[in-house]
């Protein structure tokens, strides 16, 4: 099992930093070892997103690029708007689990992985929880 550094953003506004092991979009719960070595378990439906990060600190001076400029495609280009107003731009690999902006089979997957468009972002990838999304637009 590979341990991955993450920041989990909960729907109640909490940010929890720690490490998780293997995680699949079909998982209903996720266990995290926090900075005090405690194991905490969260229902995926109680999360907004899981951010797989390079560091816990990040670069607060970095302005995240939200525009697709790479000629190389890393997957389907998407724009995600969360219910709390935050927006993300990135790539999704594989089949799109929704149609016309609406999720068709929420039980099939609790969300999807997004690779941010900005390769200088502190986020390596993000697991976006479907229930926290207001709209998704496929950019082409």
N, C-alpha and C. Protein backbone atom coordinates (compact mmCIF):
# COMPACT_ATOMS: atom_id res chain seq x y z
N UNK A 1 0.85 -1.18 0.00
CA UNK A 1 0.00 0.00 0.00
C UNK A 1 0.90 1.25 0.00
N UNK A 2 0.60 2.15 -0.90
CA UNK A 2 1.35 3.41 -0.99
C UNK A 2 0.64 4.46 -0.16
N UNK A 3 1.39 5.12 0.70
CA UNK A 3 0.82 6.22 1.49
C UNK A 3 0.95 7.51 0.68
N UNK A 4 -0.15 8.26 0.62
CA UNK A 4 -0.17 9.49 -0.16
C UNK A 4 -0.53 10.67 0.74
N UNK A 5 0.20 11.76 0.56
CA UNK A 5 -0.03 12.98 1.33
C UNK A 5 -1.27 13.68 0.78
N UNK A 6 -2.24 13.97 1.67
CA UNK A 6 -3.49 14.58 1.24
C UNK A 6 -3.94 15.68 2.20
N UNK A 7 -4.78 16.53 1.67
CA UNK A 7 -5.57 17.47 2.46
C UNK A 7 -7.01 17.18 2.09
N UNK A 8 -7.81 16.83 3.08
CA UNK A 8 -9.23 16.57 2.83
C UNK A 8 -10.03 17.78 3.27
N UNK A 9 -10.90 18.24 2.37
CA UNK A 9 -11.78 19.35 2.70
C UNK A 9 -13.15 18.77 2.97
N UNK A 10 -13.63 18.95 4.20
CA UNK A 10 -14.94 18.43 4.61
C UNK A 10 -16.03 19.43 4.26
N UNK A 11 -17.25 18.94 4.12
CA UNK A 11 -18.39 19.81 3.81
C UNK A 11 -18.66 20.82 4.92
N UNK A 12 -18.26 20.49 6.16
CA UNK A 12 -18.48 21.42 7.26
C UNK A 12 -17.38 22.49 7.35
N UNK A 13 -16.45 22.50 6.37
CA UNK A 13 -15.42 23.53 6.31
C UNK A 13 -14.07 23.12 6.88
N UNK A 14 -14.01 22.01 7.60
CA UNK A 14 -12.73 21.57 8.17
C UNK A 14 -11.76 21.14 7.08
N UNK A 15 -10.46 21.38 7.33
CA UNK A 15 -9.38 20.85 6.51
C UNK A 15 -8.62 19.87 7.38
N UNK A 16 -8.41 18.66 6.87
CA UNK A 16 -7.70 17.63 7.62
C UNK A 16 -6.51 17.19 6.79
N UNK A 17 -5.31 17.27 7.37
CA UNK A 17 -4.08 16.89 6.67
C UNK A 17 -3.61 15.56 7.18
N UNK A 18 -3.05 14.75 6.27
CA UNK A 18 -2.52 13.46 6.69
C UNK A 18 -2.18 12.60 5.50
N UNK A 19 -2.15 11.30 5.76
CA UNK A 19 -1.79 10.33 4.74
C UNK A 19 -2.91 9.31 4.59
N UNK A 20 -3.17 8.92 3.35
CA UNK A 20 -4.12 7.84 3.10
C UNK A 20 -3.42 6.76 2.28
N UNK A 21 -3.98 5.57 2.32
CA UNK A 21 -3.47 4.47 1.51
C UNK A 21 -4.21 4.43 0.19
N UNK A 22 -4.41 3.25 -0.30
CA UNK A 22 -5.11 3.08 -1.57
C UNK A 22 -6.54 3.60 -1.45
N UNK A 23 -6.99 4.29 -2.49
CA UNK A 23 -8.34 4.85 -2.50
C UNK A 23 -8.93 4.68 -3.89
N UNK A 24 -10.18 4.23 -3.94
CA UNK A 24 -10.90 4.06 -5.20
C UNK A 24 -12.15 4.95 -5.21
N UNK A 25 -12.57 5.45 -6.37
CA UNK A 25 -13.78 6.27 -6.42
C UNK A 25 -15.03 5.57 -5.91
N UNK A 26 -15.04 4.26 -5.89
CA UNK A 26 -16.20 3.51 -5.41
C UNK A 26 -16.21 3.34 -3.88
N UNK A 27 -15.12 3.72 -3.20
CA UNK A 27 -15.06 3.59 -1.74
C UNK A 27 -16.07 4.51 -1.08
N UNK A 28 -16.75 4.01 -0.05
CA UNK A 28 -17.72 4.81 0.69
C UNK A 28 -17.09 5.56 1.85
N UNK A 29 -15.93 5.07 2.32
CA UNK A 29 -15.20 5.72 3.40
C UNK A 29 -13.73 5.83 3.03
N UNK A 30 -13.05 6.74 3.72
CA UNK A 30 -11.61 6.89 3.54
C UNK A 30 -10.99 7.08 4.92
N UNK A 31 -9.91 6.33 5.17
CA UNK A 31 -9.20 6.44 6.44
C UNK A 31 -7.93 7.25 6.23
N UNK A 32 -7.67 8.13 7.18
CA UNK A 32 -6.54 9.03 7.10
C UNK A 32 -5.74 8.95 8.39
N UNK A 33 -4.43 8.90 8.27
CA UNK A 33 -3.56 9.00 9.44
C UNK A 33 -3.17 10.47 9.54
N UNK A 34 -3.61 11.14 10.61
CA UNK A 34 -3.37 12.58 10.70
C UNK A 34 -1.97 12.87 11.22
N UNK A 35 -1.67 14.14 11.41
CA UNK A 35 -0.33 14.57 11.82
C UNK A 35 0.05 14.09 13.21
N UNK A 36 -0.92 13.65 14.02
CA UNK A 36 -0.64 13.10 15.34
C UNK A 36 -0.61 11.58 15.33
N UNK A 37 -0.59 10.99 14.13
CA UNK A 37 -0.59 9.53 13.93
C UNK A 37 -1.88 8.86 14.36
N UNK A 38 -2.96 9.63 14.50
CA UNK A 38 -4.27 9.05 14.78
C UNK A 38 -4.91 8.65 13.46
N UNK A 39 -5.67 7.57 13.47
CA UNK A 39 -6.40 7.16 12.28
C UNK A 39 -7.83 7.67 12.39
N UNK A 40 -8.23 8.45 11.40
CA UNK A 40 -9.58 9.01 11.35
C UNK A 40 -10.27 8.45 10.11
N UNK A 41 -11.54 8.12 10.24
CA UNK A 41 -12.29 7.59 9.11
C UNK A 41 -13.43 8.56 8.78
N UNK A 42 -13.56 8.87 7.48
CA UNK A 42 -14.57 9.80 7.01
C UNK A 42 -15.45 9.12 5.98
N UNK A 43 -16.74 9.43 6.00
CA UNK A 43 -17.63 9.02 4.90
C UNK A 43 -17.30 9.94 3.73
N UNK A 44 -17.14 9.38 2.55
CA UNK A 44 -16.82 10.17 1.37
C UNK A 44 -17.91 11.23 1.14
N UNK A 45 -19.16 10.91 1.43
CA UNK A 45 -20.26 11.85 1.24
C UNK A 45 -20.16 13.07 2.17
N UNK A 46 -19.31 13.01 3.20
CA UNK A 46 -19.11 14.15 4.11
C UNK A 46 -17.96 15.04 3.65
N UNK A 47 -17.36 14.70 2.50
CA UNK A 47 -16.22 15.45 1.98
C UNK A 47 -16.60 16.26 0.75
N UNK A 48 -15.88 17.34 0.54
CA UNK A 48 -15.99 18.11 -0.70
C UNK A 48 -15.01 17.53 -1.71
N UNK A 49 -13.77 17.30 -1.26
CA UNK A 49 -12.73 16.80 -2.15
C UNK A 49 -11.56 16.30 -1.33
N UNK A 50 -10.76 15.46 -1.97
CA UNK A 50 -9.49 15.00 -1.40
C UNK A 50 -8.40 15.53 -2.32
N UNK A 51 -7.53 16.37 -1.78
CA UNK A 51 -6.45 16.97 -2.54
C UNK A 51 -5.17 16.18 -2.28
N UNK A 52 -4.64 15.56 -3.31
CA UNK A 52 -3.38 14.83 -3.23
C UNK A 52 -2.29 15.88 -3.49
N UNK A 53 -1.55 16.24 -2.45
CA UNK A 53 -0.68 17.41 -2.49
C UNK A 53 0.80 17.07 -2.52
N UNK A 54 1.60 18.04 -2.98
CA UNK A 54 3.06 17.93 -2.94
C UNK A 54 3.55 18.25 -1.54
N UNK A 55 3.04 19.36 -0.98
CA UNK A 55 3.40 19.77 0.39
C UNK A 55 2.14 20.23 1.10
N UNK A 56 2.22 20.32 2.43
CA UNK A 56 1.10 20.84 3.20
C UNK A 56 1.08 22.36 3.19
N UNK A 57 2.20 22.97 2.90
CA UNK A 57 2.31 24.43 2.95
C UNK A 57 1.89 25.07 1.64
N UNK A 58 2.37 24.56 0.51
CA UNK A 58 2.05 25.17 -0.78
C UNK A 58 2.78 26.49 -0.94
N UNK A 59 2.43 27.22 -1.96
CA UNK A 59 3.03 28.52 -2.25
C UNK A 59 1.90 29.54 -2.31
N UNK A 60 1.74 30.30 -1.22
CA UNK A 60 0.61 31.24 -1.18
C UNK A 60 0.74 32.38 -2.18
N UNK A 61 1.94 32.59 -2.77
CA UNK A 61 2.12 33.63 -3.79
C UNK A 61 1.80 33.12 -5.19
N UNK A 62 1.63 31.81 -5.34
CA UNK A 62 1.35 31.24 -6.66
C UNK A 62 -0.10 31.49 -7.04
N UNK A 63 -0.31 32.06 -8.22
CA UNK A 63 -1.65 32.26 -8.75
C UNK A 63 -1.92 31.11 -9.72
N UNK A 64 -2.89 30.29 -9.36
CA UNK A 64 -3.16 29.08 -10.13
C UNK A 64 -3.67 29.40 -11.54
N UNK A 65 -3.05 28.78 -12.52
CA UNK A 65 -3.46 28.92 -13.92
C UNK A 65 -4.73 28.09 -14.12
N UNK A 66 -5.74 28.66 -14.74
CA UNK A 66 -7.01 27.97 -14.96
C UNK A 66 -7.33 27.81 -16.43
N UNK A 67 -6.35 28.11 -17.31
CA UNK A 67 -6.57 28.08 -18.75
C UNK A 67 -5.78 26.93 -19.36
N UNK A 68 -6.40 26.21 -20.26
CA UNK A 68 -5.71 25.13 -20.98
C UNK A 68 -4.80 25.75 -22.02
N UNK A 69 -3.51 25.48 -21.92
CA UNK A 69 -2.58 26.02 -22.91
C UNK A 69 -1.65 24.96 -23.45
N UNK A 70 -1.63 23.80 -22.82
CA UNK A 70 -0.76 22.71 -23.28
C UNK A 70 -1.30 22.09 -24.56
N UNK A 71 -0.44 21.90 -25.55
CA UNK A 71 -0.89 21.20 -26.75
C UNK A 71 -1.07 19.71 -26.51
N UNK A 72 -0.47 19.21 -25.42
CA UNK A 72 -0.56 17.78 -25.10
C UNK A 72 -1.77 17.57 -24.20
N UNK A 73 -2.64 16.67 -24.60
CA UNK A 73 -3.84 16.38 -23.82
C UNK A 73 -3.54 15.31 -22.78
N UNK A 74 -3.93 15.58 -21.55
CA UNK A 74 -3.77 14.62 -20.47
C UNK A 74 -5.09 13.90 -20.18
N UNK A 75 -6.07 14.11 -21.04
CA UNK A 75 -7.39 13.54 -20.85
C UNK A 75 -8.42 14.55 -21.32
N UNK A 76 -9.66 14.32 -20.95
CA UNK A 76 -10.73 15.25 -21.32
C UNK A 76 -10.61 16.51 -20.47
N UNK A 77 -10.76 17.66 -21.11
CA UNK A 77 -10.67 18.94 -20.42
C UNK A 77 -12.01 19.27 -19.79
N UNK A 78 -12.00 19.61 -18.48
CA UNK A 78 -13.25 19.92 -17.80
C UNK A 78 -13.11 21.14 -16.90
N UNK A 79 -14.24 21.77 -16.65
CA UNK A 79 -14.37 22.88 -15.72
C UNK A 79 -15.38 22.43 -14.67
N UNK A 80 -15.00 22.53 -13.40
CA UNK A 80 -15.85 22.08 -12.30
C UNK A 80 -16.22 23.28 -11.44
N UNK A 81 -17.51 23.44 -11.17
CA UNK A 81 -17.96 24.46 -10.23
C UNK A 81 -18.58 23.75 -9.04
N UNK A 82 -18.01 24.01 -7.86
CA UNK A 82 -18.50 23.40 -6.63
C UNK A 82 -19.69 24.19 -6.10
N UNK A 83 -20.48 23.55 -5.26
CA UNK A 83 -21.65 24.20 -4.66
C UNK A 83 -21.26 25.40 -3.80
N UNK A 84 -20.01 25.40 -3.26
CA UNK A 84 -19.57 26.52 -2.43
C UNK A 84 -18.99 27.68 -3.25
N UNK A 85 -19.01 27.55 -4.60
CA UNK A 85 -18.55 28.62 -5.47
C UNK A 85 -17.14 28.45 -6.00
N UNK A 86 -16.34 27.58 -5.40
CA UNK A 86 -14.99 27.34 -5.90
C UNK A 86 -15.05 26.69 -7.28
N UNK A 87 -14.10 27.03 -8.13
CA UNK A 87 -14.02 26.46 -9.48
C UNK A 87 -12.65 25.85 -9.71
N UNK A 88 -12.61 24.78 -10.46
CA UNK A 88 -11.35 24.11 -10.81
C UNK A 88 -11.39 23.76 -12.29
N UNK A 89 -10.22 23.81 -12.91
CA UNK A 89 -10.06 23.43 -14.30
C UNK A 89 -9.02 22.33 -14.36
N UNK A 90 -9.29 21.30 -15.14
CA UNK A 90 -8.32 20.22 -15.22
C UNK A 90 -8.71 19.16 -16.21
N UNK A 91 -8.07 18.02 -16.05
CA UNK A 91 -8.25 16.90 -16.95
C UNK A 91 -8.84 15.72 -16.19
N UNK A 92 -9.73 14.99 -16.85
CA UNK A 92 -10.25 13.75 -16.29
C UNK A 92 -9.88 12.64 -17.27
N UNK A 93 -9.43 11.53 -16.72
CA UNK A 93 -9.07 10.39 -17.56
C UNK A 93 -10.25 9.44 -17.65
N UNK A 94 -10.34 8.74 -18.76
CA UNK A 94 -11.37 7.72 -18.91
C UNK A 94 -12.72 8.29 -19.25
N UNK A 95 -13.74 7.46 -19.03
CA UNK A 95 -15.11 7.84 -19.36
C UNK A 95 -15.62 8.92 -18.42
N UNK A 96 -16.45 9.78 -18.95
CA UNK A 96 -17.07 10.83 -18.15
C UNK A 96 -18.29 10.23 -17.45
N UNK A 97 -18.34 10.30 -16.10
CA UNK A 97 -19.42 9.65 -15.35
C UNK A 97 -20.70 10.46 -15.25
N UNK A 98 -20.94 11.37 -16.19
CA UNK A 98 -22.15 12.17 -16.19
C UNK A 98 -22.52 12.54 -17.62
N UNK A 99 -23.67 13.16 -17.77
CA UNK A 99 -24.10 13.61 -19.08
C UNK A 99 -24.76 14.97 -18.98
N UNK A 100 -24.45 15.86 -19.87
CA UNK A 100 -25.05 17.20 -19.94
C UNK A 100 -24.99 17.93 -18.61
N UNK A 101 -23.90 17.75 -17.85
CA UNK A 101 -23.73 18.48 -16.60
C UNK A 101 -24.37 17.82 -15.39
N UNK A 102 -25.06 16.69 -15.59
CA UNK A 102 -25.70 16.01 -14.47
C UNK A 102 -25.10 14.62 -14.32
N UNK A 103 -24.95 14.19 -13.08
CA UNK A 103 -24.43 12.85 -12.83
C UNK A 103 -25.55 11.85 -13.07
N UNK A 104 -25.25 10.84 -13.87
CA UNK A 104 -26.26 9.86 -14.25
C UNK A 104 -26.39 8.73 -13.24
N UNK A 105 -25.27 8.26 -12.73
CA UNK A 105 -25.30 7.11 -11.83
C UNK A 105 -24.47 7.40 -10.57
N UNK A 106 -25.02 8.17 -9.62
CA UNK A 106 -24.24 8.53 -8.46
C UNK A 106 -23.76 7.33 -7.64
N UNK A 107 -24.46 6.21 -7.68
CA UNK A 107 -24.05 5.03 -6.91
C UNK A 107 -22.85 4.34 -7.55
N UNK A 108 -22.69 4.49 -8.87
CA UNK A 108 -21.58 3.85 -9.58
C UNK A 108 -20.25 4.40 -9.12
N UNK A 109 -20.21 5.67 -8.82
CA UNK A 109 -18.98 6.32 -8.41
C UNK A 109 -19.34 7.49 -7.52
N UNK A 110 -18.61 7.65 -6.44
CA UNK A 110 -18.89 8.77 -5.55
C UNK A 110 -18.22 10.05 -6.04
N UNK A 111 -17.47 9.96 -7.13
CA UNK A 111 -16.79 11.13 -7.65
C UNK A 111 -15.82 10.75 -8.76
N UNK A 112 -14.86 11.63 -9.00
CA UNK A 112 -13.90 11.40 -10.07
C UNK A 112 -12.58 12.10 -9.75
N UNK A 113 -11.51 11.65 -10.40
CA UNK A 113 -10.20 12.25 -10.23
C UNK A 113 -9.99 13.32 -11.27
N UNK A 114 -9.45 14.45 -10.84
CA UNK A 114 -9.15 15.58 -11.69
C UNK A 114 -7.66 15.90 -11.55
N UNK A 115 -6.97 16.05 -12.67
CA UNK A 115 -5.58 16.50 -12.67
C UNK A 115 -5.62 17.99 -13.01
N UNK A 116 -5.17 18.86 -12.09
CA UNK A 116 -5.25 20.31 -12.35
C UNK A 116 -4.50 20.70 -13.62
N UNK A 117 -5.02 21.71 -14.31
CA UNK A 117 -4.41 22.19 -15.54
C UNK A 117 -3.04 22.83 -15.26
N UNK A 118 -2.87 23.39 -14.08
CA UNK A 118 -1.62 24.06 -13.72
C UNK A 118 -0.63 23.04 -13.15
N UNK A 119 0.41 22.73 -13.90
CA UNK A 119 1.39 21.74 -13.43
C UNK A 119 2.25 22.28 -12.28
N UNK A 120 2.16 23.57 -12.00
CA UNK A 120 2.88 24.16 -10.87
C UNK A 120 2.00 24.23 -9.61
N UNK A 121 0.79 23.73 -9.74
CA UNK A 121 -0.14 23.68 -8.61
C UNK A 121 0.43 22.78 -7.52
N UNK A 122 0.09 23.05 -6.28
CA UNK A 122 0.49 22.17 -5.18
C UNK A 122 -0.29 20.85 -5.23
N UNK A 123 -1.40 20.83 -5.95
CA UNK A 123 -2.21 19.62 -6.07
C UNK A 123 -1.70 18.75 -7.21
N UNK A 124 -1.37 17.51 -6.88
CA UNK A 124 -0.98 16.56 -7.93
C UNK A 124 -2.23 16.10 -8.68
N UNK A 125 -3.28 15.82 -7.91
CA UNK A 125 -4.59 15.46 -8.44
C UNK A 125 -5.60 15.66 -7.32
N UNK A 126 -6.86 15.68 -7.71
CA UNK A 126 -7.93 15.95 -6.75
C UNK A 126 -9.03 14.92 -6.98
N UNK A 127 -9.50 14.31 -5.89
CA UNK A 127 -10.69 13.48 -5.99
C UNK A 127 -11.87 14.39 -5.66
N UNK A 128 -12.70 14.65 -6.65
CA UNK A 128 -13.86 15.53 -6.51
C UNK A 128 -15.06 14.67 -6.13
N UNK A 129 -15.67 14.97 -4.99
CA UNK A 129 -16.84 14.22 -4.53
C UNK A 129 -18.06 14.74 -5.29
N UNK A 130 -18.76 13.83 -5.94
CA UNK A 130 -19.87 14.20 -6.84
C UNK A 130 -20.94 15.05 -6.15
N UNK A 131 -21.26 14.75 -4.91
CA UNK A 131 -22.33 15.48 -4.23
C UNK A 131 -21.95 16.93 -3.91
N UNK A 132 -20.67 17.30 -4.02
CA UNK A 132 -20.24 18.68 -3.73
C UNK A 132 -20.20 19.55 -4.98
N UNK A 133 -20.56 18.96 -6.13
CA UNK A 133 -20.44 19.65 -7.42
C UNK A 133 -21.77 20.26 -7.83
N UNK A 134 -21.70 21.52 -8.28
CA UNK A 134 -22.87 22.19 -8.81
C UNK A 134 -22.99 21.91 -10.32
N UNK A 135 -21.87 22.02 -11.04
CA UNK A 135 -21.90 21.80 -12.49
C UNK A 135 -20.52 21.40 -12.99
N UNK A 136 -20.52 20.64 -14.07
CA UNK A 136 -19.29 20.23 -14.76
C UNK A 136 -19.50 20.53 -16.24
N UNK A 137 -18.50 21.16 -16.83
CA UNK A 137 -18.56 21.46 -18.26
C UNK A 137 -17.38 20.77 -18.93
N UNK A 138 -17.66 20.00 -19.96
CA UNK A 138 -16.59 19.38 -20.75
C UNK A 138 -16.17 20.40 -21.79
N UNK A 139 -14.86 20.71 -21.81
CA UNK A 139 -14.34 21.77 -22.66
C UNK A 139 -13.96 21.28 -24.06
N UNK A 140 -14.03 20.01 -24.29
CA UNK A 140 -13.71 19.49 -25.62
C UNK A 140 -12.76 18.35 -25.59
